Amino acid sequence: MIGRLNHVAIAVRNLEAAVATYKDALGAKVSEATAEPEHGVTVVFVELPNTKIEFLEPLGENSPIAKFLERNPDGGIHHVCYEVDDILAARDQLKARGARVLGDGNPKIGAHGKPVLFLHPKDFLGTLTELEQV
């Protein structure tokens, strides 16, 4: 079921500062910022040869990232994202094994324009896990 690592997401308070750090210190190729109002975030992707790093900055007062940053004032890793071929089949298989899918259990369109689901961190070693259909 699980495919390759798509990205690791890092919550940040200041997207411009995060981008500057990765561009200046590491020489990384960084995408333009994109607002994702449905998810309450503004995102930027750092392109790596084998995966991506996603920076998440809160967008709006009800952003889940704002809540994360209240608990983690310096920011930090928010979630990991794995690719799956069929997100509905993966969801059904995981639910049958007792895993909890967050939200209403139905995929939403993520930052890459593809269906995504999030899995409860308590079911995956304390790590919020995103699945993205490829």
C-alpha atoms as a PDB file:
ATOM      1  CA  MET A   1       0.000   0.000   0.000  1.00  0.00           C
ATOM      2  CA  ILE A   2       2.529   2.641   1.101  1.00  0.00           C
ATOM      3  CA  GLY A   3       4.586   4.204  -1.632  1.00  0.00           C
ATOM      4  CA  ARG A   4       7.460   6.622  -1.592  1.00  0.00           C
ATOM      5  CA  LEU A   5       7.878   9.504   0.836  1.00  0.00           C
ATOM      6  CA  ASN A   6       6.247  12.491  -0.844  1.00  0.00           C
ATOM      7  CA  HIS A   7       7.227  15.180   1.673  1.00  0.00           C
ATOM      8  CA  VAL A   8       7.959  16.123   5.254  1.00  0.00           C
ATOM      9  CA  ALA A   9       5.959  19.143   6.437  1.00  0.00           C
ATOM     10  CA  ILE A  10       7.451  21.717   8.806  1.00  0.00           C
ATOM     11  CA  ALA A  11       5.257  24.287  10.566  1.00  0.00           C
ATOM     12  CA  VAL A  12       6.818  27.758  10.568  1.00  0.00           C
ATOM     13  CA  ARG A  13       5.825  31.130  11.982  1.00  0.00           C
ATOM     14  CA  ASN A  14       7.488  33.106   9.181  1.00  0.00           C
ATOM     15  CA  LEU A  15       7.436  31.629   5.698  1.00  0.00           C
ATOM     16  CA  GLU A  16       9.798  34.233   4.239  1.00  0.00           C
ATOM     17  CA  ALA A  17      12.425  33.532   6.908  1.00  0.00           C
ATOM     18  CA  ALA A  18      12.119  29.772   6.385  1.00  0.00           C
ATOM     19  CA  VAL A  19      12.509  30.160   2.618  1.00  0.00           C
ATOM     20  CA  ALA A  20      15.525  32.435   3.063  1.00  0.00           C
ATOM     21  CA  THR A  21      17.178  29.932   5.391  1.00  0.00           C
ATOM     22  CA  TYR A  22      16.822  27.072   2.930  1.00  0.00           C
ATOM     23  CA  LYS A  23      17.741  29.177  -0.134  1.00  0.00           C
ATOM     24  CA  ASP A  24      20.702  31.002   1.410  1.00  0.00           C
ATOM     25  CA  ALA A  25      22.152  28.398   3.751  1.00  0.00           C
ATOM     26  CA  LEU A  26      21.400  25.259   1.742  1.00  0.00           C
ATOM     27  CA  GLY A  27      21.073  26.554  -1.818  1.00  0.00           C
ATOM     28  CA  ALA A  28      17.671  24.891  -2.165  1.00  0.00           C
ATOM     29  CA  LYS A  29      15.201  25.346  -5.014  1.00  0.00           C
ATOM     30  CA  VAL A  30      11.988  26.688  -3.456  1.00  0.00           C
ATOM     31  CA  SER A  31       8.513  27.080  -4.982  1.00  0.00           C
ATOM     32  CA  GLU A  32       6.335  30.163  -4.812  1.00  0.00           C
ATOM     33  CA  ALA A  33       4.028  30.472  -1.804  1.00  0.00           C
ATOM     34  CA  THR A  34       0.494  29.218  -2.353  1.00  0.00           C
ATOM     35  CA  ALA A  35      -2.471  29.958  -0.111  1.00  0.00           C
ATOM     36  CA  GLU A  36      -4.601  26.902   0.688  1.00  0.00           C
ATOM     37  CA  PRO A  37      -7.646  28.412   2.464  1.00  0.00           C
ATOM     38  CA  GLU A  38      -9.482  25.069   2.718  1.00  0.00           C
ATOM     39  CA  HIS A  39      -6.583  23.752   4.805  1.00  0.00           C
ATOM     40  CA  GLY A  40      -5.862  27.003   6.658  1.00  0.00           C
ATOM     41  CA  VAL A  41      -2.257  27.262   5.479  1.00  0.00           C
ATOM     42  CA  THR A  42       0.102  28.949   3.072  1.00  0.00           C
ATOM     43  CA  VAL A  43       2.574  26.441   1.651  1.00  0.00           C
ATOM     44  CA  VAL A  44       5.980  26.462   0.014  1.00  0.00           C
ATOM     45  CA  PHE A  45       7.785  23.384  -1.261  1.00  0.00           C
ATOM     46  CA  VAL A  46      11.530  22.866  -1.144  1.00  0.00           C
ATOM     47  CA  GLU A  47      12.427  20.598  -4.066  1.00  0.00           C
ATOM     48  CA  LEU A  48      14.968  17.865  -3.314  1.00  0.00           C
ATOM     49  CA  PRO A  49      16.243  15.167  -5.681  1.00  0.00           C
ATOM     50  CA  ASN A  50      14.352  12.396  -3.856  1.00  0.00           C
ATOM     51  CA  THR A  51      11.450  14.163  -2.058  1.00  0.00           C
ATOM     52  CA  LYS A  52      10.193  17.562  -0.875  1.00  0.00           C
ATOM     53  CA  ILE A  53      10.060  19.617   2.301  1.00  0.00           C
ATOM     54  CA  GLU A  54       6.802  21.523   2.781  1.00  0.00           C
ATOM     55  CA  PHE A  55       6.733  24.689   4.881  1.00  0.00           C
ATOM     56  CA  LEU A  56       3.333  25.432   6.440  1.00  0.00           C
ATOM     57  CA  GLU A  57       2.486  28.917   7.675  1.00  0.00           C
ATOM     58  CA  PRO A  58      -0.878  29.591   9.372  1.00  0.00           C
ATOM     59  CA  LEU A  59      -3.543  31.196   7.201  1.00  0.00           C
ATOM     60  CA  GLY A  60      -6.353  32.629   9.294  1.00  0.00           C
ATOM     61  CA  GLU A  61      -7.203  32.419  12.978  1.00  0.00           C
ATOM     62  CA  ASN A  62      -8.594  28.875  12.814  1.00  0.00           C
ATOM     63  CA  SER A  63      -5.567  27.374  11.108  1.00  0.00           C
ATOM     64  CA  PRO A  64      -4.550  23.993  12.534  1.00  0.00           C
ATOM     65  CA  ILE A  65      -0.963  25.189  12.099  1.00  0.00           C
ATOM     66  CA  ALA A  66      -1.601  28.140  14.440  1.00  0.00           C
ATOM     67  CA  LYS A  67      -2.721  25.653  17.086  1.00  0.00           C
ATOM     68  CA  PHE A  68       0.376  23.516  16.439  1.00  0.00           C
ATOM     69  CA  LEU A  69       2.607  26.589  16.810  1.00  0.00           C
ATOM     70  CA  GLU A  70       0.936  27.481  20.136  1.00  0.00           C
ATOM     71  CA  ARG A  71       2.176  24.129  21.461  1.00  0.00           C
ATOM     72  CA  ASN A  72       5.478  24.325  19.550  1.00  0.00           C
ATOM     73  CA  PRO A  73       6.502  28.008  19.481  1.00  0.00           C
ATOM     74  CA  ASP A  74       9.685  27.370  17.477  1.00  0.00           C
ATOM     75  CA  GLY A  75       7.842  25.350  14.839  1.00  0.00           C
ATOM     76  CA  GLY A  76       8.856  21.846  13.861  1.00  0.00           C
ATOM     77  CA  ILE A  77       7.877  18.760  11.926  1.00  0.00           C
ATOM     78  CA  HIS A  78       4.103  18.696  11.545  1.00  0.00           C
ATOM     79  CA  HIS A  79       3.530  15.568   9.433  1.00  0.00           C
ATOM     80  CA  VAL A  80       4.959  13.123   6.930  1.00  0.00           C
ATOM     81  CA  CYS A  81       3.243  12.330   3.627  1.00  0.00           C
ATOM     82  CA  TYR A  82       3.379   9.000   1.800  1.00  0.00           C
ATOM     83  CA  GLU A  83       2.117   8.255  -1.675  1.00  0.00           C
ATOM     84  CA  VAL A  84      -0.543   5.626  -2.376  1.00  0.00           C
ATOM     85  CA  ASP A  85      -1.936   4.417  -5.697  1.00  0.00           C
ATOM     86  CA  ASP A  86      -5.576   4.301  -4.567  1.00  0.00           C
ATOM     87  CA  ILE A  87      -6.486   6.522  -1.619  1.00  0.00           C
ATOM     88  CA  LEU A  88      -9.957   5.021  -1.106  1.00  0.00           C
ATOM     89  CA  ALA A  89      -8.620   1.463  -1.050  1.00  0.00           C
ATOM     90  CA  ALA A  90      -5.840   2.556   1.342  1.00  0.00           C
ATOM     91  CA  ARG A  91      -8.400   4.293   3.595  1.00  0.00           C
ATOM     92  CA  ASP A  92     -10.680   1.260   3.670  1.00  0.00           C
ATOM     93  CA  GLN A  93      -7.799  -1.127   4.378  1.00  0.00           C
ATOM     94  CA  LEU A  94      -6.489   1.085   7.197  1.00  0.00           C
ATOM     95  CA  LYS A  95      -9.928   1.544   8.762  1.00  0.00           C
ATOM     96  CA  ALA A  96     -10.482  -2.230   8.648  1.00  0.00           C
ATOM     97  CA  ARG A  97      -7.268  -2.569  10.680  1.00  0.00           C
ATOM     98  CA  GLY A  98      -8.471  -0.028  13.246  1.00  0.00           C
ATOM     99  CA  ALA A  99      -6.668   3.114  12.062  1.00  0.00           C
ATOM    100  CA  ARG A 100      -8.501   6.413  12.505  1.00  0.00           C
ATOM    101  CA  VAL A 101      -8.893   8.739   9.530  1.00  0.00           C
ATOM    102  CA  LEU A 102      -9.211  12.392  10.549  1.00  0.00           C
ATOM    103  CA  GLY A 103     -12.036  14.660   9.440  1.00  0.00           C
ATOM    104  CA  ASP A 104     -15.056  13.075   7.820  1.00  0.00           C
ATOM    105  CA  GLY A 105     -12.974  10.247   6.343  1.00  0.00           C
ATOM    106  CA  ASN A 106     -13.269  11.490   2.791  1.00  0.00           C
ATOM    107  CA  PRO A 107     -10.276  12.732   0.799  1.00  0.00           C
ATOM    108  CA  LYS A 108      -9.772  16.446   0.230  1.00  0.00           C
ATOM    109  CA  ILE A 109      -7.707  18.017  -2.529  1.00  0.00           C
ATOM    110  CA  GLY A 110      -4.251  18.837  -1.186  1.00  0.00           C
ATOM    111  CA  ALA A 111      -1.576  21.346  -2.145  1.00  0.00           C
ATOM    112  CA  HIS A 112      -0.486  19.244  -5.139  1.00  0.00           C
ATOM    113  CA  GLY A 113      -4.035  19.132  -6.514  1.00  0.00           C
ATOM    114  CA  LYS A 114      -4.387  15.450  -5.578  1.00  0.00           C
ATOM    115  CA  PRO A 115      -6.633  13.678  -3.046  1.00  0.00           C
ATOM    116  CA  VAL A 116      -5.225  13.471   0.497  1.00  0.00           C
ATOM    117  CA  LEU A 117      -6.223  12.012   3.874  1.00  0.00           C
ATOM    118  CA  PHE A 118      -4.716  12.398   7.325  1.00  0.00           C
ATOM    119  CA  LEU A 119      -4.341   9.565   9.826  1.00  0.00           C
ATOM    120  CA  HIS A 120      -4.494   9.994  13.590  1.00  0.00           C
ATOM    121  CA  PRO A 121      -1.022  10.375  15.161  1.00  0.00           C
ATOM    122  CA  LYS A 122      -1.883   7.984  18.012  1.00  0.00           C
ATOM    123  CA  ASP A 123      -2.198   5.190  15.462  1.00  0.00           C
ATOM    124  CA  PHE A 124       1.185   5.928  13.813  1.00  0.00           C
ATOM    125  CA  LEU A 125       3.844   6.273  16.519  1.00  0.00           C
ATOM    126  CA  GLY A 126       2.808   9.805  17.494  1.00  0.00           C
ATOM    127  CA  THR A 127       3.229  11.131  13.945  1.00  0.00           C
ATOM    128  CA  LEU A 128       0.499  12.820  11.961  1.00  0.00           C
ATOM    129  CA  THR A 129       0.509  10.932   8.661  1.00  0.00           C
ATOM    130  CA  GLU A 130      -0.830  12.152   5.333  1.00  0.00           C
ATOM    131  CA  LEU A 131      -1.605   9.885   2.403  1.00  0.00           C
ATOM    132  CA  GLU A 132      -1.626  11.363  -1.107  1.00  0.00           C
ATOM    133  CA  GLN A 133      -2.951   9.575  -4.156  1.00  0.00           C
ATOM    134  CA  VAL A 134      -0.515   9.671  -7.067  1.00  0.00           C
END
